[in-house]
C-alpha cells in the first residue's frame, strides 16, 4: 500500500513504515525491490519525524502560553 506523502497522517505513514520493515526483514525480495522499499522507508521515516517535531513544537507553544496566562493571573 503506497502512501501519499503530502496528505498522509502520521499513523498512515507509520503503518506503511512498519509494513516495509516487515517486508525487508523477511528477506524475500530481490535486491532492487529491497532498495526501493528501503528508499520509501527512509522517506516515510523523515515524514514521521517532521510530523512529530511539528507536534512537539505545538505542545511547547501551548505550554508557554499556559505559563504566561498563569503568570498574569497572579
N, C-alpha and C. Protein backbone atom coordinates (compact mmCIF):
# COMPACT_ATOMS: atom_id res chain seq x y z
N UNK A 1 0.85 -1.18 0.00
CA UNK A 1 0.00 0.00 0.00
C UNK A 1 0.89 1.23 0.00
N UNK A 2 0.87 1.99 -1.05
CA UNK A 2 1.65 3.23 -1.12
C UNK A 2 0.91 4.32 -0.34
N UNK A 3 1.70 5.24 0.18
CA UNK A 3 1.14 6.33 0.98
C UNK A 3 1.46 7.64 0.28
N UNK A 4 0.48 8.51 0.16
CA UNK A 4 0.71 9.84 -0.40
C UNK A 4 1.42 10.67 0.67
N UNK A 5 2.67 10.98 0.43
CA UNK A 5 3.48 11.65 1.44
C UNK A 5 3.02 13.08 1.72
N UNK A 6 2.24 13.66 0.84
CA UNK A 6 1.76 15.02 1.05
C UNK A 6 0.51 15.06 1.92
N UNK A 7 -0.28 13.99 1.90
CA UNK A 7 -1.53 14.01 2.64
C UNK A 7 -1.60 12.95 3.74
N UNK A 8 -0.58 12.14 3.86
CA UNK A 8 -0.61 11.04 4.83
C UNK A 8 -0.59 11.56 6.26
N UNK A 9 -1.36 10.90 7.09
CA UNK A 9 -1.29 11.19 8.51
C UNK A 9 -0.07 10.48 9.09
N UNK A 10 0.29 10.86 10.31
CA UNK A 10 1.40 10.20 10.99
C UNK A 10 1.13 8.70 11.09
N UNK A 11 -0.09 8.36 11.47
CA UNK A 11 -0.45 6.95 11.66
C UNK A 11 -0.35 6.16 10.36
N UNK A 12 -0.79 6.75 9.25
CA UNK A 12 -0.70 6.06 7.96
C UNK A 12 0.75 5.84 7.55
N UNK A 13 1.56 6.87 7.73
CA UNK A 13 2.97 6.76 7.38
C UNK A 13 3.67 5.72 8.25
N UNK A 14 3.36 5.72 9.54
CA UNK A 14 3.97 4.76 10.46
C UNK A 14 3.54 3.33 10.12
N UNK A 15 2.28 3.16 9.80
CA UNK A 15 1.78 1.83 9.43
C UNK A 15 2.50 1.31 8.19
N UNK A 16 2.65 2.17 7.18
CA UNK A 16 3.36 1.76 5.97
C UNK A 16 4.82 1.46 6.28
N UNK A 17 5.43 2.26 7.13
CA UNK A 17 6.82 2.04 7.51
C UNK A 17 6.98 0.68 8.19
N UNK A 18 6.04 0.33 9.05
CA UNK A 18 6.07 -0.97 9.70
C UNK A 18 5.93 -2.11 8.68
N UNK A 19 5.09 -1.91 7.67
CA UNK A 19 4.94 -2.91 6.60
C UNK A 19 6.27 -3.10 5.87
N UNK A 20 6.93 -1.99 5.57
CA UNK A 20 8.20 -2.05 4.86
C UNK A 20 9.25 -2.79 5.68
N UNK A 21 9.31 -2.49 6.96
CA UNK A 21 10.27 -3.18 7.83
C UNK A 21 10.02 -4.68 7.82
N UNK A 22 8.77 -5.07 7.91
CA UNK A 22 8.42 -6.49 7.89
C UNK A 22 8.85 -7.12 6.57
N UNK A 23 8.58 -6.43 5.47
CA UNK A 23 8.95 -6.95 4.16
C UNK A 23 10.47 -7.10 4.04
N UNK A 24 11.20 -6.10 4.47
CA UNK A 24 12.65 -6.17 4.38
C UNK A 24 13.23 -7.25 5.28
N UNK A 25 12.66 -7.39 6.46
CA UNK A 25 13.15 -8.41 7.39
C UNK A 25 12.89 -9.82 6.88
N UNK A 26 11.88 -9.99 6.04
CA UNK A 26 11.57 -11.32 5.51
C UNK A 26 12.68 -11.83 4.59
N UNK A 27 13.37 -10.91 3.92
CA UNK A 27 14.43 -11.31 3.01
C UNK A 27 13.92 -11.96 1.73
N UNK A 28 12.63 -11.82 1.45
CA UNK A 28 12.03 -12.47 0.29
C UNK A 28 12.07 -11.63 -0.98
N UNK A 29 12.64 -10.44 -0.91
CA UNK A 29 12.62 -9.54 -2.05
C UNK A 29 14.00 -9.46 -2.69
N UNK A 30 14.05 -9.35 -4.03
CA UNK A 30 15.33 -9.17 -4.69
C UNK A 30 15.95 -7.82 -4.30
N UNK A 31 17.23 -7.70 -4.52
CA UNK A 31 17.97 -6.52 -4.09
C UNK A 31 17.35 -5.22 -4.61
N UNK A 32 17.00 -5.19 -5.87
CA UNK A 32 16.44 -3.95 -6.44
C UNK A 32 15.14 -3.55 -5.76
N UNK A 33 14.27 -4.50 -5.53
CA UNK A 33 13.00 -4.23 -4.84
C UNK A 33 13.26 -3.83 -3.39
N UNK A 34 14.19 -4.48 -2.76
CA UNK A 34 14.55 -4.14 -1.38
C UNK A 34 15.06 -2.71 -1.29
N UNK A 35 15.85 -2.29 -2.27
CA UNK A 35 16.36 -0.92 -2.28
C UNK A 35 15.23 0.09 -2.43
N UNK A 36 14.25 -0.23 -3.27
CA UNK A 36 13.09 0.66 -3.44
C UNK A 36 12.30 0.76 -2.13
N UNK A 37 12.13 -0.38 -1.49
CA UNK A 37 11.42 -0.38 -0.21
C UNK A 37 12.19 0.44 0.83
N UNK A 38 13.50 0.26 0.85
CA UNK A 38 14.34 0.99 1.80
C UNK A 38 14.23 2.50 1.57
N UNK A 39 14.29 2.91 0.31
CA UNK A 39 14.17 4.34 -0.02
C UNK A 39 12.82 4.89 0.43
N UNK A 40 11.76 4.13 0.19
CA UNK A 40 10.44 4.56 0.64
C UNK A 40 10.40 4.66 2.16
N UNK A 41 11.02 3.70 2.82
CA UNK A 41 11.07 3.71 4.28
C UNK A 41 11.80 4.92 4.83
N UNK A 42 12.91 5.29 4.20
CA UNK A 42 13.67 6.46 4.63
C UNK A 42 12.82 7.72 4.48
N UNK A 43 12.12 7.83 3.36
CA UNK A 43 11.25 8.99 3.14
C UNK A 43 10.12 9.04 4.18
N UNK A 44 9.54 7.89 4.47
CA UNK A 44 8.45 7.85 5.46
C UNK A 44 8.98 8.15 6.87
N UNK A 45 10.17 7.69 7.16
CA UNK A 45 10.78 7.99 8.45
C UNK A 45 10.97 9.50 8.61
N UNK A 46 11.44 10.14 7.55
CA UNK A 46 11.60 11.60 7.58
C UNK A 46 10.27 12.31 7.76
N UNK A 47 9.25 11.81 7.09
CA UNK A 47 7.90 12.39 7.22
C UNK A 47 7.40 12.26 8.66
N UNK A 48 7.57 11.08 9.23
CA UNK A 48 7.14 10.87 10.62
C UNK A 48 7.90 11.80 11.57
N UNK A 49 9.19 11.93 11.36
CA UNK A 49 9.98 12.81 12.21
C UNK A 49 9.52 14.26 12.11
N UNK A 50 9.21 14.71 10.90
CA UNK A 50 8.72 16.08 10.71
C UNK A 50 7.40 16.29 11.43
N UNK A 51 6.51 15.32 11.30
CA UNK A 51 5.20 15.44 11.96
C UNK A 51 5.35 15.41 13.49
N UNK A 52 6.25 14.59 14.01
CA UNK A 52 6.49 14.56 15.45
C UNK A 52 7.09 15.88 15.93
N UNK A 53 8.02 16.42 15.18
CA UNK A 53 8.64 17.69 15.56
C UNK A 53 7.61 18.82 15.55
N UNK A 54 6.74 18.82 14.57
CA UNK A 54 5.69 19.83 14.49
C UNK A 54 4.77 19.73 15.70
N UNK A 55 4.40 18.50 16.07
CA UNK A 55 3.55 18.29 17.24
C UNK A 55 4.27 18.73 18.52
N UNK A 56 5.56 18.41 18.62
CA UNK A 56 6.34 18.81 19.79
C UNK A 56 6.39 20.33 19.92
N UNK A 57 6.62 21.01 18.81
CA UNK A 57 6.67 22.46 18.82
C UNK A 57 5.32 23.06 19.24
N UNK A 58 4.24 22.46 18.79
CA UNK A 58 2.91 22.95 19.16
C UNK A 58 2.69 22.79 20.66
N UNK A 59 3.13 21.65 21.21
CA UNK A 59 2.98 21.42 22.65
C UNK A 59 3.78 22.45 23.44
N UNK A 60 5.01 22.71 22.99
CA UNK A 60 5.84 23.71 23.68
C UNK A 60 5.16 25.08 23.63
N UNK A 61 4.63 25.44 22.49
CA UNK A 61 3.94 26.73 22.34
C UNK A 61 2.74 26.81 23.27
N UNK A 62 1.96 25.74 23.33
CA UNK A 62 0.78 25.72 24.21
C UNK A 62 1.19 25.80 25.67
N UNK A 63 2.25 25.10 26.04
CA UNK A 63 2.72 25.14 27.42
C UNK A 63 3.20 26.54 27.79
N UNK A 64 3.91 27.18 26.88
CA UNK A 64 4.39 28.54 27.14
C UNK A 64 3.22 29.50 27.29
N UNK A 65 2.21 29.37 26.44
CA UNK A 65 1.04 30.23 26.52
C UNK A 65 0.32 30.01 27.86
N UNK A 66 0.25 28.77 28.30
CA UNK A 66 -0.39 28.46 29.58
C UNK A 66 0.40 29.07 30.74
N UNK A 67 1.71 28.95 30.68
CA UNK A 67 2.55 29.52 31.73
C UNK A 67 2.41 31.03 31.79
N UNK A 68 2.35 31.66 30.63
CA UNK A 68 2.19 33.12 30.57
C UNK A 68 0.83 33.52 31.14
N UNK A 69 -0.21 32.75 30.82
CA UNK A 69 -1.55 33.05 31.33
C UNK A 69 -1.58 32.87 32.84
N UNK A 70 -0.93 31.82 33.33
CA UNK A 70 -0.88 31.60 34.78
C UNK A 70 -0.13 32.74 35.47
N UNK A 71 0.91 33.25 34.84
CA UNK A 71 1.69 34.34 35.42
C UNK A 71 0.90 35.63 35.48
N UNK A 72 -0.01 35.83 34.55
CA UNK A 72 -0.82 37.04 34.53
C UNK A 72 -1.93 37.00 35.57
N UNK A 73 -2.31 35.80 35.98
CA UNK A 73 -3.38 35.65 36.96
C UNK A 73 -2.92 36.02 38.36
N UNK A 74 -1.63 36.02 38.59
CA UNK A 74 -1.13 36.26 39.95
C UNK A 74 -1.12 37.72 40.31
